[in-house]
Protein backbone atom coordinates (compact mmCIF):
# COMPACT_ATOMS: atom_id res chain seq x y z
CA MET A 1 100.25 134.98 103.78
CA LYS A 2 102.43 131.87 103.87
CA ILE A 3 101.94 129.32 101.09
CA LEU A 4 103.42 125.83 101.35
CA ILE A 5 104.26 123.69 98.33
CA ALA A 6 104.20 120.17 99.75
CA THR A 7 105.22 117.66 97.08
CA GLU A 8 106.68 114.25 97.81
CA LYS A 9 106.92 113.99 94.00
CA PRO A 10 108.29 117.47 93.20
CA PHE A 11 107.23 119.89 90.53
CA ALA A 12 109.80 120.56 87.80
CA SER A 13 112.22 123.31 88.76
CA GLU A 14 110.75 125.63 86.12
CA ALA A 15 107.29 125.13 87.62
CA VAL A 16 108.59 125.98 91.10
CA LYS A 17 110.12 129.17 89.71
CA GLY A 18 106.81 130.10 88.08
CA ILE A 19 104.86 129.40 91.27
CA LYS A 20 107.31 131.45 93.32
CA GLN A 21 107.00 134.37 90.92
CA VAL A 22 103.20 134.38 91.28
CA ILE A 23 103.48 134.22 95.08
CA ASP A 24 106.23 136.85 95.27
CA ASN A 25 104.30 139.22 93.01
CA ALA A 26 101.37 139.00 95.41
CA GLY A 27 103.63 139.86 98.34
CA TYR A 28 103.21 136.44 99.95
CA GLU A 29 105.81 133.99 101.28
CA MET A 30 106.51 130.60 99.70
CA VAL A 31 107.67 127.59 101.73
CA LEU A 32 108.92 124.47 99.94
CA LEU A 33 108.76 120.85 101.15
CA GLU A 34 109.94 118.41 98.49
CA LYS A 35 110.75 114.67 98.45
CA TYR A 36 109.74 114.22 102.09
CA SER A 37 109.95 110.64 103.29
CA ASP A 38 107.74 110.68 106.38
CA LYS A 39 104.33 112.11 107.22
CA SER A 40 105.80 113.78 110.32
CA GLN A 41 107.71 116.13 108.01
CA LEU A 42 104.46 117.20 106.37
CA LEU A 43 102.75 117.64 109.74
CA GLU A 44 105.57 119.93 110.86
CA ALA A 45 105.60 121.90 107.59
CA VAL A 46 101.87 122.70 107.60
CA LYS A 47 102.02 124.52 110.92
CA ASN A 48 101.44 128.27 110.52
CA VAL A 49 100.75 128.18 106.76
CA ASP A 50 97.68 129.79 105.19
CA ALA A 51 97.61 127.76 102.00
CA ILE A 52 98.98 124.49 100.60
CA ILE A 53 99.68 123.38 97.05
CA ILE A 54 99.93 119.61 96.62
CA ARG A 55 100.13 117.03 93.85
CA SER A 56 99.36 113.42 94.87
CA ASP A 57 100.14 114.13 98.52
CA ILE A 58 97.62 113.06 101.17
CA VAL A 59 95.85 115.80 103.09
CA ASP A 60 93.79 113.94 105.68
CA ALA A 61 92.17 114.92 108.98
CA GLU A 62 95.50 114.67 110.82
CA VAL A 63 97.20 117.07 108.41
CA LEU A 64 94.28 119.48 108.60
CA GLU A 65 94.33 119.34 112.40
CA ALA A 66 98.03 120.24 112.41
CA ALA A 67 97.48 123.17 110.02
CA LYS A 68 95.76 125.55 112.45
CA ASP A 69 95.97 128.60 110.16
CA LEU A 70 95.08 126.83 106.93
CA LYS A 71 92.43 128.41 104.73
CA ILE A 72 92.86 126.74 101.34
CA VAL A 73 94.34 123.59 99.77
CA VAL A 74 94.82 123.39 96.00
CA ARG A 75 95.48 120.08 94.33
CA ALA A 76 97.54 120.77 91.19
CA GLY A 77 95.62 118.48 88.87
CA ALA A 78 92.08 117.33 88.22
CA GLY A 79 91.63 114.52 90.75
CA TYR A 80 91.28 115.37 94.43
CA ASP A 81 90.50 112.06 96.15
CA ASN A 82 93.77 112.46 98.09
CA VAL A 83 92.13 115.23 100.16
CA ASP A 84 89.64 114.51 102.95
CA LEU A 85 86.89 116.87 101.82
CA ASP A 86 84.64 116.29 104.83
CA ALA A 87 87.44 117.04 107.27
CA ALA A 88 88.37 120.17 105.27
CA THR A 89 84.78 121.39 105.26
CA ALA A 90 84.49 120.79 108.99
CA ARG A 91 87.52 123.03 109.55
CA LYS A 92 86.23 125.61 107.02
CA VAL A 93 89.16 124.96 104.67
CA VAL A 94 88.48 125.51 100.97
CA VAL A 95 89.70 122.74 98.66
CA MET A 96 90.24 123.36 94.94
CA ASN A 97 91.62 121.48 91.96
CA THR A 98 93.04 122.83 88.69
CA PRO A 99 90.84 121.18 86.03
CA GLY A 100 92.09 121.08 82.48
CA GLN A 101 95.73 121.89 83.16
CA ASN A 102 96.95 118.28 82.74
CA SER A 103 94.33 117.21 80.22
CA ASN A 104 96.40 117.19 77.04
CA ALA A 105 99.28 115.37 78.73
CA VAL A 106 96.97 112.61 79.99
CA ALA A 107 95.22 112.35 76.63
CA GLU A 108 98.50 111.98 74.75
CA LEU A 109 99.55 109.22 77.14
CA ALA A 110 96.23 107.40 76.59
CA LEU A 111 96.75 107.43 72.82
CA GLY A 112 100.38 106.39 73.28
CA LEU A 113 99.24 103.37 75.28
CA MET A 114 96.76 102.51 72.52
CA VAL A 115 99.55 102.53 69.94
CA TYR A 116 101.70 100.42 72.28
CA ALA A 117 98.88 97.87 72.60
CA ALA A 118 98.10 97.84 68.87
CA ARG A 119 101.76 97.18 68.04
CA ASN A 120 102.03 94.29 70.53
CA PHE A 121 104.18 96.19 73.02
CA PHE A 122 106.77 96.78 70.27
CA ASP A 123 107.91 93.14 70.45
CA GLY A 124 108.77 92.97 66.75
CA SER A 125 105.66 91.08 65.69
CA SER A 126 103.02 92.30 63.27
CA GLY A 127 100.44 94.48 65.00
CA THR A 128 97.34 96.39 63.93
CA GLU A 129 96.44 100.02 63.23
CA LEU A 130 94.18 102.38 65.15
CA TYR A 131 92.71 103.73 61.92
CA GLY A 132 89.05 102.76 61.58
CA LYS A 133 88.85 101.18 65.04
CA LYS A 134 86.02 102.06 67.43
CA LEU A 135 87.16 104.02 70.48
CA GLY A 136 84.92 104.48 73.50
CA ILE A 137 85.61 107.38 75.86
CA HIS A 138 84.20 106.71 79.32
CA ALA A 139 83.60 110.19 80.81
CA TYR A 140 83.74 113.16 78.46
CA GLY A 141 85.40 115.79 80.60
CA ASN A 142 88.55 117.78 79.85
CA VAL A 143 90.71 114.70 79.31
CA GLY A 144 88.05 112.81 77.38
CA ARG A 145 87.56 115.69 74.96
CA ASN A 146 91.30 115.87 74.34
CA VAL A 147 91.39 112.11 73.72
CA ALA A 148 88.65 112.57 71.13
CA ARG A 149 90.52 115.44 69.47
CA ILE A 150 93.73 113.41 69.12
CA ALA A 151 91.97 110.17 68.15
CA LYS A 152 90.29 111.96 65.24
CA GLY A 153 93.77 112.43 63.79
CA PHE A 154 94.25 108.65 63.87
CA GLY A 155 91.00 108.19 61.96
CA MET A 156 89.27 106.32 64.77
CA GLU A 157 85.50 106.04 65.05
CA ILE A 158 84.77 107.75 68.37
CA TYR A 159 82.00 107.08 70.88
CA ALA A 160 81.50 108.55 74.35
CA TYR A 161 79.42 108.03 77.45
CA ASP A 162 79.10 110.54 80.26
CA ALA A 163 76.24 110.50 82.75
CA PHE A 164 76.59 114.25 83.34
CA TYR A 165 77.58 115.64 79.92
CA PRO A 166 74.71 116.30 77.49
CA ALA A 167 74.55 113.89 74.57
CA GLU A 168 73.80 116.71 72.15
CA SER A 169 77.00 118.50 73.19
CA ILE A 170 79.00 115.33 72.55
CA GLU A 171 77.39 114.89 69.13
CA LYS A 172 78.18 118.50 68.17
CA GLU A 173 81.88 117.65 68.52
CA GLY A 174 81.67 114.87 65.97
CA VAL A 175 81.56 112.10 68.59
CA LYS A 176 78.78 109.51 68.83
CA ALA A 177 77.01 109.65 72.20
CA VAL A 178 75.75 106.39 73.69
CA SER A 179 73.15 106.05 76.43
CA SER A 180 74.97 103.77 78.89
CA ALA A 181 78.36 102.43 79.91
CA GLU A 182 77.16 98.97 78.85
CA GLU A 183 76.46 100.20 75.31
CA LEU A 184 79.89 101.86 75.15
CA TYR A 185 81.71 98.67 76.14
CA GLU A 186 79.60 96.48 73.86
CA THR A 187 80.35 98.74 70.89
CA CYS A 188 84.03 99.63 71.17
CA GLN A 189 87.19 97.60 70.74
CA TYR A 190 89.17 100.30 72.55
CA VAL A 191 87.91 102.01 75.71
CA SER A 192 89.73 104.88 77.43
CA LEU A 193 88.74 105.42 81.07
CA HIS A 194 88.45 108.93 82.53
CA ILE A 195 85.97 108.54 85.38
CA PRO A 196 86.78 109.83 88.89
CA ALA A 197 86.98 107.59 91.95
CA THR A 198 83.69 108.08 93.82
CA PRO A 199 81.59 105.73 95.95
CA GLU A 200 79.52 105.06 92.81
CA THR A 201 82.44 104.37 90.46
CA LYS A 202 84.83 102.40 92.68
CA LYS A 203 85.21 98.86 91.29
CA SER A 204 82.54 99.67 88.70
CA ILE A 205 84.81 98.52 85.87
CA ASN A 206 84.29 94.87 86.59
CA TYR A 207 84.22 91.45 84.96
CA ASP A 208 80.61 91.72 83.77
CA LEU A 209 81.14 95.10 82.11
CA LEU A 210 84.49 94.25 80.51
CA SER A 211 83.24 90.89 79.24
CA LYS A 212 80.84 92.81 76.98
CA MET A 213 83.71 94.22 74.92
CA PRO A 214 84.18 92.86 71.39
CA SER A 215 87.02 90.66 70.16
CA LYS A 216 90.58 91.95 70.60
CA ALA A 217 89.47 94.46 73.20
CA VAL A 218 91.85 96.98 74.78
CA LEU A 219 91.13 98.87 78.00
CA ILE A 220 93.24 101.95 78.76
CA ASN A 221 93.09 103.38 82.30
CA THR A 222 94.69 106.77 82.95
CA ALA A 223 92.01 107.68 85.49
CA ARG A 224 92.11 106.05 88.92
CA LYS A 225 93.20 102.67 90.30
CA GLU A 226 90.12 102.38 92.50
CA VAL A 227 87.61 102.28 89.63
CA ILE A 228 88.93 98.88 88.54
CA ASP A 229 87.69 95.66 90.14
CA GLU A 230 91.15 94.10 90.11
CA GLU A 231 89.99 90.56 90.88
CA GLY A 232 87.45 90.81 88.08
CA LEU A 233 90.12 92.16 85.72
CA ALA A 234 92.41 89.20 86.47
CA LYS A 235 89.51 86.81 85.91
CA LEU A 236 88.74 88.42 82.56
CA LEU A 237 92.36 88.33 81.37
CA GLU A 238 92.37 84.63 82.26
CA ALA A 239 89.13 83.96 80.41
CA ARG A 240 89.86 86.08 77.33
CA PRO A 241 93.26 85.63 75.65
CA ASP A 242 92.33 88.45 73.24
CA PHE A 243 91.96 91.12 75.99
CA LYS A 244 94.64 93.72 76.84
CA TYR A 245 94.85 96.13 79.78
CA LEU A 246 97.25 99.09 79.90
CA THR A 247 97.44 101.68 82.65
CA ASP A 248 99.59 104.31 84.32
CA ILE A 249 98.21 103.41 87.77
CA MET A 250 99.81 100.20 88.99
CA PRO A 251 97.16 97.82 90.37
CA GLY A 252 97.54 96.00 93.65
CA ASN A 253 97.83 92.67 91.81
CA ASN A 254 100.52 93.98 89.44
CA ASP A 255 102.95 91.11 90.07
CA GLU A 256 100.31 88.49 89.33
CA LEU A 257 99.15 90.21 86.13
CA LYS A 258 102.70 90.84 84.95
CA GLU A 259 103.66 87.20 85.45
CA LYS A 260 100.54 85.66 83.93
CA PHE A 261 99.85 88.07 81.07
CA PRO A 262 103.15 89.68 79.97
CA LYS A 263 101.97 90.19 76.39
CA ARG A 264 98.56 91.61 77.36
CA TYR A 265 99.15 93.68 80.49
CA PHE A 266 101.28 96.78 81.01
CA SER A 267 101.60 99.31 83.81
CA THR A 268 104.01 102.20 84.15
CA PRO A 269 106.06 102.15 87.40
CA LYS A 270 104.44 105.40 88.57
CA LYS A 271 101.47 107.50 87.49
CA MET A 272 102.61 109.21 84.31
CA GLY A 273 99.60 111.12 82.99
CA ALA A 274 100.66 114.57 84.14
CA GLN A 275 104.39 113.93 83.91
CA THR A 276 105.28 116.45 81.24
CA ALA A 277 107.09 119.74 81.60
CA GLU A 278 104.11 121.60 80.19
CA ALA A 279 101.52 120.00 82.49
CA ASN A 280 103.83 120.47 85.47
CA ASN A 281 104.09 124.19 84.78
CA ASN A 282 100.44 124.67 83.90
CA ALA A 283 99.00 122.94 86.97
CA GLY A 284 101.46 124.42 89.48
CA ILE A 285 101.14 127.99 88.26
CA ALA A 286 97.35 127.65 88.00
CA ALA A 287 97.27 126.50 91.64
CA ALA A 288 99.30 129.53 92.73
CA ASN A 289 97.09 131.93 90.76
CA GLN A 290 93.95 130.40 92.26
CA ILE A 291 95.29 130.86 95.79
CA VAL A 292 96.19 134.50 95.14
CA ASP A 293 92.79 135.13 93.55
CA PHE A 294 91.08 133.49 96.52
CA PHE A 295 92.89 135.67 99.06
CA LEU A 296 92.57 138.90 97.07
CA ASN A 297 89.10 138.51 95.58
CA GLY A 298 87.43 135.61 97.39
CA ASN A 299 87.19 133.66 94.11
CA ARG A 300 86.04 130.08 94.79
CA LYS A 301 85.36 129.03 91.19
CA PHE A 302 87.21 125.72 91.42
CA GLN A 303 86.14 124.78 94.95
CA VAL A 304 85.34 121.05 95.21
CA ASN A 305 84.08 120.90 98.82
CA LYS A 306 81.05 122.71 100.16
């Protein structure tokens, strides 16, 4: 079996070593494509490989067409909207993610952004504390639960909304479950977003929803760019001088927001949630183990296409 690691944004060298060890131990061959600058390089690399490990790399119908021998794609991370699931299913290619491997890293970043907002972007002025503030967690999956765990240490009052996670399970973890996204945003000064980008959620975080947030509201987005209605966000920042937005996914209107709202808007240059040595290792090695388990035992536990 030939397994390609195709990463325009490479794994850390230690992660690559760990992945290679898993693949070598299984008697398979590893092929490495890092820092490629053109899609044609990816199209060439996928020929004659049985499996691919990616990060934020795009695996679309064209890539799948070029990969004649491909049987499985594993996205090292939780999100998988960079893979064309319908095209993969049509070609009988299994697509998996590695849920939970990056969760703590993303959660720590979310709390770090909250501190940054509370302390006025460290500009030397007097800020506020997170202690006693109401935090709303929008989607209570692996990342959301880690956000709750860390926020408890700050003494925050924690609420959560998840359309698919039972309210009683949320309550058992010492978090207050609310019945709708509207209730979450009406209640909480801080909201941390962890919803995936789906047809239902794209642009769902809009002017009407955000305008429900109380005074001195802060929205943290370490989820997906597409879930934000960027025009609505700009309108809200214009209308509400008390509102702050911090993210690690640069919006399309970044220049406008940066110029107009320098004290209330912040974006990292690149997506930073999973950018830790630990998350890098965990997600990459998990992806390799899942591929080996799939080939040896037919395990499809983390399959995301049907």
